[in-house]
């Protein structure tokens, strides 16, 4: 009697994790659509060749609430809040390490 209940609970939890992961991926994909515009407007010192590494590193190192905020900006448009979120994520050591690793490859394509 307990085995079917345990199997059902495990299946339900597995489905929840998959849904959460899919939602996170969708949010991150959406957030990536607005980063180039935000970089062009609020970070003019970033060369266009680095837009993709910046976009990937920022979104990959953003937490769930930051991803949600950036994804919402894809609908409402970029503003100072978008820039502030990007600055917060850029200040993190993991984001800086990501950029240091990605930048030489991107700049080699200039």
Protein backbone atom coordinates (compact mmCIF):
# COMPACT_ATOMS: atom_id res chain seq x y z
CA UNK A 1 0.00 0.00 0.00
CA UNK A 2 2.82 2.42 0.76
CA UNK A 3 4.81 1.67 -2.39
CA UNK A 4 2.23 3.14 -4.81
CA UNK A 5 1.95 6.23 -2.62
CA UNK A 6 5.72 6.64 -2.53
CA UNK A 7 5.94 6.18 -6.30
CA UNK A 8 3.21 8.76 -6.89
CA UNK A 9 4.92 11.26 -4.59
CA UNK A 10 8.28 10.71 -6.31
CA UNK A 11 6.68 11.18 -9.74
CA UNK A 12 4.93 14.37 -8.64
CA UNK A 13 8.14 15.82 -7.22
CA UNK A 14 10.04 14.92 -10.37
CA UNK A 15 7.43 16.68 -12.49
CA UNK A 16 7.65 19.80 -10.28
CA UNK A 17 11.43 19.93 -10.66
CA UNK A 18 11.16 19.60 -14.44
CA UNK A 19 8.57 22.38 -14.60
CA UNK A 20 10.71 24.62 -12.42
CA UNK A 21 13.78 23.99 -14.60
CA UNK A 22 11.81 24.68 -17.79
CA UNK A 23 10.45 27.90 -16.31
CA UNK A 24 13.95 28.98 -15.28
CA UNK A 25 15.32 28.26 -18.77
CA UNK A 26 12.48 30.21 -20.39
CA UNK A 27 13.07 33.17 -18.07
CA UNK A 28 16.81 33.14 -18.76
CA UNK A 29 16.23 32.91 -22.52
CA UNK A 30 13.85 35.86 -22.34
CA UNK A 31 16.25 37.87 -20.18
CA UNK A 32 18.99 37.36 -22.76
CA UNK A 33 16.89 39.13 -25.40
CA UNK A 34 17.09 42.51 -23.67
CA UNK A 35 20.72 42.52 -22.56
CA UNK A 36 22.18 43.75 -25.87
CA UNK A 37 19.85 46.76 -25.87
CA UNK A 38 20.62 47.51 -22.22
CA UNK A 39 24.35 47.19 -22.86
CA UNK A 40 24.15 49.56 -25.84
CA UNK A 41 22.22 52.18 -23.87
CA UNK A 42 23.62 51.97 -20.34
CA UNK A 43 27.08 50.44 -20.92
CA UNK A 44 28.42 52.16 -24.07
CA UNK A 45 31.99 51.28 -23.06
CA UNK A 46 31.29 47.58 -23.76
CA UNK A 47 32.41 46.73 -27.30
CA UNK A 48 29.72 45.16 -29.46
CA UNK A 49 31.92 42.06 -29.83
CA UNK A 50 31.48 41.47 -26.10
CA UNK A 51 27.69 41.76 -26.03
CA UNK A 52 27.20 37.99 -26.28
CA UNK A 53 29.69 37.12 -23.51
CA UNK A 54 28.30 39.89 -21.30
CA UNK A 55 24.75 38.70 -21.95
CA UNK A 56 25.55 35.07 -21.21
CA UNK A 57 27.66 35.79 -18.13
CA UNK A 58 25.12 38.18 -16.61
CA UNK A 59 22.11 35.94 -17.18
CA UNK A 60 23.96 32.78 -16.14
CA UNK A 61 25.03 34.40 -12.85
CA UNK A 62 21.74 36.17 -12.06
CA UNK A 63 19.58 34.74 -9.31
CA UNK A 64 15.93 33.85 -9.86
CA UNK A 65 14.54 37.25 -8.86
CA UNK A 66 17.05 39.05 -11.10
CA UNK A 67 16.18 36.79 -14.02
CA UNK A 68 12.50 37.52 -13.40
CA UNK A 69 13.20 41.25 -13.37
CA UNK A 70 15.25 41.12 -16.58
CA UNK A 71 12.65 38.94 -18.30
CA UNK A 72 9.94 41.44 -17.33
CA UNK A 73 12.06 44.19 -18.88
CA UNK A 74 11.80 42.33 -22.18
CA UNK A 75 8.11 43.28 -22.10
CA UNK A 76 8.21 46.70 -20.48
CA UNK A 77 11.50 47.89 -21.97
CA UNK A 78 14.92 48.58 -20.52
CA UNK A 79 15.36 51.34 -17.99
CA UNK A 80 17.61 52.36 -15.13
CA UNK A 81 16.34 49.39 -13.11
CA UNK A 82 17.60 47.08 -15.84
CA UNK A 83 21.02 48.73 -15.67
CA UNK A 84 21.05 48.47 -11.88
CA UNK A 85 20.27 44.75 -12.02
CA UNK A 86 23.04 44.23 -14.57
CA UNK A 87 25.52 46.19 -12.41
CA UNK A 88 24.62 44.07 -9.39
CA UNK A 89 25.28 40.84 -11.28
CA UNK A 90 28.46 42.22 -12.89
CA UNK A 91 29.88 42.97 -9.43
CA UNK A 92 29.90 39.28 -8.51
CA UNK A 93 33.22 37.42 -8.69
CA UNK A 94 31.65 34.53 -10.63
CA UNK A 95 30.37 36.93 -13.28
CA UNK A 96 33.76 38.63 -13.54
CA UNK A 97 35.48 35.24 -13.86
CA UNK A 98 33.01 34.28 -16.59
CA UNK A 99 33.79 37.48 -18.51
CA UNK A 100 37.55 37.03 -18.13
CA UNK A 101 37.22 33.55 -19.59
CA UNK A 102 34.89 34.55 -22.45
CA UNK A 103 36.31 37.93 -23.49
CA UNK A 104 39.55 36.79 -25.17
CA UNK A 105 37.66 34.46 -27.49
CA UNK A 106 35.10 37.13 -28.38
CA UNK A 107 37.72 39.81 -28.91
CA UNK A 108 39.70 37.47 -31.13
CA UNK A 109 36.83 37.73 -33.61
CA UNK A 110 37.26 41.49 -34.08
